[in-house]
Amino acid sequence: MQRSFLKICFILAPVLSVVFTACENETNNKTSTPNPAATTVELVPMLDYTVVAKYPHDIACFTEGFLFHEGKLFESTGAPENLPQTKSSIGICNLESGKFEQKIEIDKRQYFGEGITFFGNNLYQLTYTNQVGFVYDAKTFARKSQFSYQNKQGWGLTTDGTHLIMSDGTNELSYLNPSDLAVVKKLNVSENGFALDYINELEFIKGFIYANVWMTNFIVKIDPNSGKVVGKLDLSDLLNQSKKANINLLEMNGIAYDVEKDRVLITGKLWPDIYEIKF
């Protein structure tokens, strides 16, 4: 047995030598010539920003939707059970006084107000877990109809001018046909090659989707063609500033783009401030 073993090893030795030589040559080749099949993931760049102005914000507003329409700043709010001062409502924010002019209120015992957007002559509103949305007249705010959706939850809502774009707390955005609210397509959002969950409040700005990420103070810039996050803002400093005036505030959640004045305003749940930022 021992002789046979030695004989086999002896015979294999030259073969192993050839294999090692081949591996060494292959390694040398890889070192000198890049492998075209190799892929690298580029980290999402952080975006710089500056604060242009600061405005007062009603600290009773648990912000779920935030947008400009015809020069006015609209806000949609939710009403957690542990915060009796909050309402599920839609109204206009007065940037000078900080007062909230309520236009719509839904029964908070039944519905939790979420994202909103305007399209055509309608104002659309999502609710949190009811799988129901509401359609209002954009001028009178009278309720016209309601619709249902298959998403387990409703979070953020915006429009690209053709579709309504809806988030539901996952990494998936749903594109809805404004006429019948049917899902036209879905977009998976990823950051650095990984699915990015908890996409929340949305705003469409100059060809990109900007989104808050729940339980964080980040805003991500999403390419609507690929779903990839191509930029990111860390607004933790603004939360810390606002926290000096209201220690009970929560994460940021609100991005509004004023097309007429080309400006971006952001705020958060129970924040005492609204910030105008440039990035």
Protein backbone atom coordinates (compact mmCIF):
# COMPACT_ATOMS: atom_id res chain seq x y z
CA MET A 1 0.00 0.00 0.00
CA GLN A 2 2.79 2.37 0.88
CA ARG A 3 4.72 1.67 -2.32
CA SER A 4 1.68 2.21 -4.48
CA PHE A 5 1.02 5.49 -2.71
CA LEU A 6 4.57 6.69 -3.31
CA LYS A 7 4.41 5.64 -6.91
CA ILE A 8 1.18 7.55 -7.49
CA CYS A 9 2.57 10.66 -5.87
CA PHE A 10 5.69 10.44 -7.93
CA ILE A 11 3.70 10.14 -11.13
CA LEU A 12 1.44 13.09 -10.21
CA ALA A 13 4.27 15.42 -9.35
CA PRO A 14 4.98 16.62 -12.93
CA VAL A 15 1.26 17.10 -13.54
CA LEU A 16 0.90 19.26 -10.46
CA SER A 17 3.88 21.27 -11.56
CA VAL A 18 2.16 22.02 -14.85
CA VAL A 19 -1.04 23.02 -13.11
CA PHE A 20 0.76 25.37 -10.73
CA THR A 21 2.63 26.94 -13.64
CA ALA A 22 -0.59 27.45 -15.54
CA CYS A 23 -2.26 29.05 -12.50
CA GLU A 24 0.71 31.33 -12.01
CA ASN A 25 0.58 32.46 -15.62
CA GLU A 26 -3.16 33.05 -15.38
CA THR A 27 -2.69 35.13 -12.26
CA ASN A 28 0.00 37.19 -13.95
CA ASN A 29 -2.26 37.73 -16.94
CA LYS A 30 -5.13 38.93 -14.71
CA THR A 31 -2.82 41.34 -13.00
CA SER A 32 -1.71 42.95 -16.23
CA THR A 33 -5.08 42.80 -18.07
CA PRO A 34 -8.38 43.85 -16.38
CA ASN A 35 -11.17 41.28 -16.52
CA PRO A 36 -14.04 42.80 -18.54
CA ALA A 37 -16.53 40.58 -16.70
CA ALA A 38 -15.62 42.02 -13.31
CA THR A 39 -18.13 44.54 -11.92
CA THR A 40 -17.76 47.10 -9.17
CA VAL A 41 -20.48 48.89 -7.24
CA GLU A 42 -19.94 52.63 -6.96
CA LEU A 43 -21.05 54.07 -3.63
CA VAL A 44 -23.84 56.62 -3.81
CA PRO A 45 -22.38 60.14 -3.51
CA MET A 46 -23.51 62.40 -0.67
CA LEU A 47 -25.02 65.67 -1.86
CA ASP A 48 -24.09 68.97 -0.25
CA TYR A 49 -26.82 71.46 0.64
CA THR A 50 -27.23 74.92 2.10
CA VAL A 51 -30.12 76.37 4.09
CA VAL A 52 -31.65 79.34 2.28
CA ALA A 53 -34.44 80.19 4.74
CA LYS A 54 -36.41 78.87 7.70
CA TYR A 55 -40.17 79.12 8.26
CA PRO A 56 -42.45 78.17 11.17
CA HIS A 57 -44.35 74.86 11.14
CA ASP A 58 -47.28 73.67 13.23
CA ILE A 59 -45.91 71.10 15.71
CA ALA A 60 -49.29 69.34 15.80
CA CYS A 61 -48.75 68.25 12.18
CA PHE A 62 -47.62 64.64 11.87
CA THR A 63 -46.38 65.13 8.31
CA GLU A 64 -47.13 62.43 5.73
CA GLY A 65 -47.44 64.44 2.51
CA PHE A 66 -45.86 67.74 1.47
CA LEU A 67 -46.12 69.59 -1.85
CA PHE A 68 -46.73 72.85 -3.69
CA HIS A 69 -49.80 73.36 -5.83
CA GLU A 70 -50.57 76.63 -7.62
CA GLY A 71 -48.12 78.48 -5.40
CA LYS A 72 -49.52 77.17 -2.12
CA LEU A 73 -47.84 74.70 0.23
CA PHE A 74 -50.08 71.72 1.02
CA GLU A 75 -49.57 69.18 3.78
CA SER A 76 -51.18 65.86 4.60
CA THR A 77 -51.06 64.59 8.17
CA GLY A 78 -51.65 61.36 10.05
CA ALA A 79 -52.90 60.78 13.58
CA PRO A 80 -51.14 58.20 15.77
CA GLU A 81 -53.26 56.95 18.66
CA ASN A 82 -50.69 58.05 21.22
CA LEU A 83 -50.79 61.65 19.95
CA PRO A 84 -54.32 62.94 20.61
CA GLN A 85 -53.47 66.43 19.31
CA THR A 86 -52.93 65.12 15.77
CA LYS A 87 -55.47 64.75 12.94
CA SER A 88 -55.67 62.91 9.65
CA SER A 89 -56.16 65.94 7.47
CA ILE A 90 -55.09 67.93 4.43
CA GLY A 91 -54.50 71.66 4.51
CA ILE A 92 -52.41 74.65 3.51
CA CYS A 93 -49.31 75.75 5.42
CA ASN A 94 -48.91 79.48 5.93
CA LEU A 95 -45.17 80.07 5.70
CA GLU A 96 -45.38 83.41 7.48
CA SER A 97 -47.42 82.39 10.52
CA GLY A 98 -46.82 78.64 10.59
CA LYS A 99 -50.55 78.08 10.89
CA PHE A 100 -52.23 75.11 9.23
CA GLU A 101 -55.41 75.94 7.31
CA GLN A 102 -57.34 72.68 7.27
CA LYS A 103 -59.31 71.87 4.12
CA ILE A 104 -60.06 68.15 4.54
CA GLU A 105 -60.31 65.85 7.54
CA ILE A 106 -60.96 62.11 7.55
CA ASP A 107 -62.09 60.09 10.56
CA LYS A 108 -58.88 59.24 12.39
CA ARG A 109 -60.64 56.43 14.22
CA GLN A 110 -60.96 54.67 10.89
CA TYR A 111 -58.26 56.11 8.61
CA PHE A 112 -54.66 57.26 8.97
CA GLY A 113 -53.89 59.97 6.43
CA GLU A 114 -50.85 59.45 4.23
CA GLY A 115 -49.37 60.84 0.99
CA ILE A 116 -51.13 63.26 -1.37
CA THR A 117 -50.66 64.63 -4.86
CA PHE A 118 -52.55 66.78 -7.36
CA PHE A 119 -53.19 65.65 -10.92
CA GLY A 120 -55.45 67.48 -13.32
CA ASN A 121 -58.55 68.61 -11.46
CA ASN A 122 -58.13 66.08 -8.66
CA LEU A 123 -56.38 65.75 -5.34
CA TYR A 124 -55.45 62.18 -4.41
CA GLN A 125 -54.88 60.87 -0.89
CA LEU A 126 -53.61 57.52 0.42
CA THR A 127 -54.39 55.90 3.74
CA TYR A 128 -52.04 53.77 5.80
CA THR A 129 -53.45 50.25 6.23
CA ASN A 130 -56.99 50.41 4.81
CA GLN A 131 -55.87 49.84 1.19
CA VAL A 132 -58.15 52.74 0.31
CA GLY A 133 -57.46 56.11 -1.25
CA PHE A 134 -59.66 59.16 -1.77
CA VAL A 135 -60.15 61.53 -4.70
CA TYR A 136 -61.16 65.15 -4.06
CA ASP A 137 -61.97 68.12 -6.25
CA ALA A 138 -58.75 70.14 -6.46
CA LYS A 139 -60.64 73.45 -6.12
CA THR A 140 -63.45 72.79 -3.65
CA PHE A 141 -61.85 69.84 -1.79
CA ALA A 142 -65.17 67.99 -1.94
CA ARG A 143 -64.74 64.22 -2.00
CA LYS A 144 -65.54 62.80 -5.44
CA SER A 145 -64.74 59.11 -5.06
CA GLN A 146 -62.51 56.52 -3.47
CA PHE A 147 -60.31 53.75 -4.85
CA SER A 148 -58.62 50.62 -3.59
CA TYR A 149 -55.12 49.25 -4.13
CA GLN A 150 -53.40 45.89 -3.62
CA ASN A 151 -50.40 47.31 -1.77
CA LYS A 152 -50.63 46.29 1.87
CA GLN A 153 -49.94 49.87 2.95
CA GLY A 154 -50.07 53.37 1.51
CA TRP A 155 -47.18 55.75 2.27
CA GLY A 156 -45.99 58.44 -0.17
CA LEU A 157 -47.51 59.83 -3.35
CA THR A 158 -46.27 62.07 -6.16
CA THR A 159 -46.61 62.45 -9.92
CA ASP A 160 -44.24 62.65 -12.88
CA GLY A 161 -46.88 64.42 -14.95
CA THR A 162 -48.09 61.17 -16.53
CA HIS A 163 -48.59 58.74 -13.67
CA LEU A 164 -49.17 58.82 -9.94
CA ILE A 165 -46.19 57.28 -8.15
CA MET A 166 -46.87 55.52 -4.87
CA SER A 167 -44.65 54.13 -2.11
CA ASP A 168 -45.78 51.48 0.34
CA GLY A 169 -42.92 51.08 2.81
CA THR A 170 -41.01 48.55 0.73
CA ASN A 171 -38.34 49.18 -1.91
CA GLU A 172 -41.00 49.09 -4.63
CA LEU A 173 -42.69 52.11 -6.21
CA SER A 174 -46.02 51.63 -7.99
CA TYR A 175 -46.96 53.72 -11.04
CA LEU A 176 -50.71 54.29 -11.24
CA ASN A 177 -52.89 55.40 -14.13
CA PRO A 178 -54.60 58.59 -12.87
CA SER A 179 -57.85 57.80 -14.71
CA ASP A 180 -58.60 54.39 -13.20
CA LEU A 181 -55.82 54.07 -10.54
CA ALA A 182 -54.67 50.77 -12.07
CA VAL A 183 -51.01 49.80 -11.63
CA VAL A 184 -49.13 50.44 -14.88
CA LYS A 185 -45.67 49.34 -13.74
CA LYS A 186 -43.45 48.93 -10.69
CA LEU A 187 -39.96 50.21 -9.98
CA ASN A 188 -37.54 48.53 -7.57
CA VAL A 189 -35.33 51.00 -5.72
CA SER A 190 -31.76 50.02 -4.85
CA GLU A 191 -28.82 51.69 -3.13
CA ASN A 192 -25.25 50.48 -3.68
CA GLY A 193 -26.60 47.29 -5.25
CA PHE A 194 -29.03 46.43 -2.43
CA ALA A 195 -32.79 46.92 -2.17
CA LEU A 196 -33.67 50.08 -0.26
CA ASP A 197 -36.77 49.56 1.88
CA TYR A 198 -38.87 52.07 3.81
CA ILE A 199 -39.28 54.51 0.93
CA ASN A 200 -41.67 57.11 2.32
CA GLU A 201 -42.73 60.62 1.26
CA LEU A 202 -42.03 61.37 -2.41
CA GLU A 203 -41.44 64.36 -4.66
CA PHE A 204 -40.68 64.45 -8.38
CA ILE A 205 -38.07 67.14 -9.12
CA LYS A 206 -36.52 67.80 -12.52
CA GLY A 207 -36.71 64.24 -13.78
CA PHE A 208 -35.77 62.46 -10.55
CA ILE A 209 -37.76 61.00 -7.66
CA TYR A 210 -36.70 62.29 -4.27
CA ALA A 211 -37.76 60.26 -1.25
CA ASN A 212 -37.56 60.28 2.51
CA VAL A 213 -36.40 57.03 4.08
CA TRP A 214 -38.51 56.13 7.13
CA MET A 215 -36.87 56.35 10.55
CA THR A 216 -33.89 58.23 9.08
CA ASN A 217 -33.07 61.81 8.17
CA PHE A 218 -31.93 60.94 4.67
CA ILE A 219 -33.38 62.04 1.37
CA VAL A 220 -32.42 59.85 -1.59
CA LYS A 221 -32.39 60.85 -5.25
CA ILE A 222 -33.74 58.05 -7.44
CA ASP A 223 -33.25 57.58 -11.18
CA PRO A 224 -36.76 56.64 -12.43
CA ASN A 225 -35.28 54.73 -15.37
CA SER A 226 -33.21 52.29 -13.32
CA GLY A 227 -34.51 52.61 -9.76
CA LYS A 228 -30.97 53.25 -8.57
CA VAL A 229 -30.23 55.82 -5.87
CA VAL A 230 -27.83 58.28 -7.50
CA GLY A 231 -27.49 60.81 -4.68
CA LYS A 232 -28.19 61.18 -0.98
CA LEU A 233 -28.64 64.02 1.51
CA ASP A 234 -28.07 63.71 5.25
CA LEU A 235 -30.25 66.30 7.01
CA SER A 236 -29.56 65.22 10.58
CA ASP A 237 -28.22 68.68 11.42
CA LEU A 238 -31.60 70.22 10.63
CA LEU A 239 -33.37 67.73 12.88
CA ASN A 240 -30.97 68.59 15.69
CA GLN A 241 -31.64 72.29 15.21
CA SER A 242 -35.41 71.82 15.29
CA LYS A 243 -35.17 69.51 18.26
CA LYS A 244 -34.05 72.46 20.39
CA ALA A 245 -37.55 73.91 19.96
CA ASN A 246 -39.47 70.63 20.20
CA ILE A 247 -37.75 67.71 21.90
CA ASN A 248 -40.64 65.41 20.95
CA LEU A 249 -40.29 65.72 17.20
CA LEU A 250 -39.70 62.63 15.06
CA GLU A 251 -37.84 61.88 11.82
CA MET A 252 -38.02 64.14 8.82
CA ASN A 253 -40.76 63.39 6.33
CA GLY A 254 -41.69 66.02 3.81
CA ILE A 255 -40.23 67.25 0.50
CA ALA A 256 -41.99 69.99 -1.45
CA TYR A 257 -40.80 71.46 -4.75
CA ASP A 258 -42.04 74.90 -5.77
CA VAL A 259 -41.86 74.91 -9.57
CA GLU A 260 -42.71 78.61 -9.84
CA LYS A 261 -39.83 79.73 -7.60
CA ASP A 262 -37.55 76.74 -8.18
CA ARG A 263 -37.09 75.98 -4.48
CA VAL A 264 -37.22 72.93 -2.23
CA LEU A 265 -38.77 72.92 1.24
CA ILE A 266 -38.40 70.11 3.76
CA THR A 267 -39.85 69.37 7.18
CA GLY A 268 -40.65 66.45 9.47
CA LYS A 269 -43.20 64.95 11.82
CA LEU A 270 -44.03 67.43 14.61
CA TRP A 271 -41.19 69.71 13.49
CA PRO A 272 -41.42 73.37 14.55
CA ASP A 273 -39.59 74.44 11.38
CA ILE A 274 -39.75 74.21 7.62
CA TYR A 275 -36.40 74.62 5.86
CA GLU A 276 -35.79 75.91 2.38
CA ILE A 277 -32.68 74.18 1.08
CA LYS A 278 -30.55 74.34 -2.04
CA PHE A 279 -28.52 71.37 -3.26
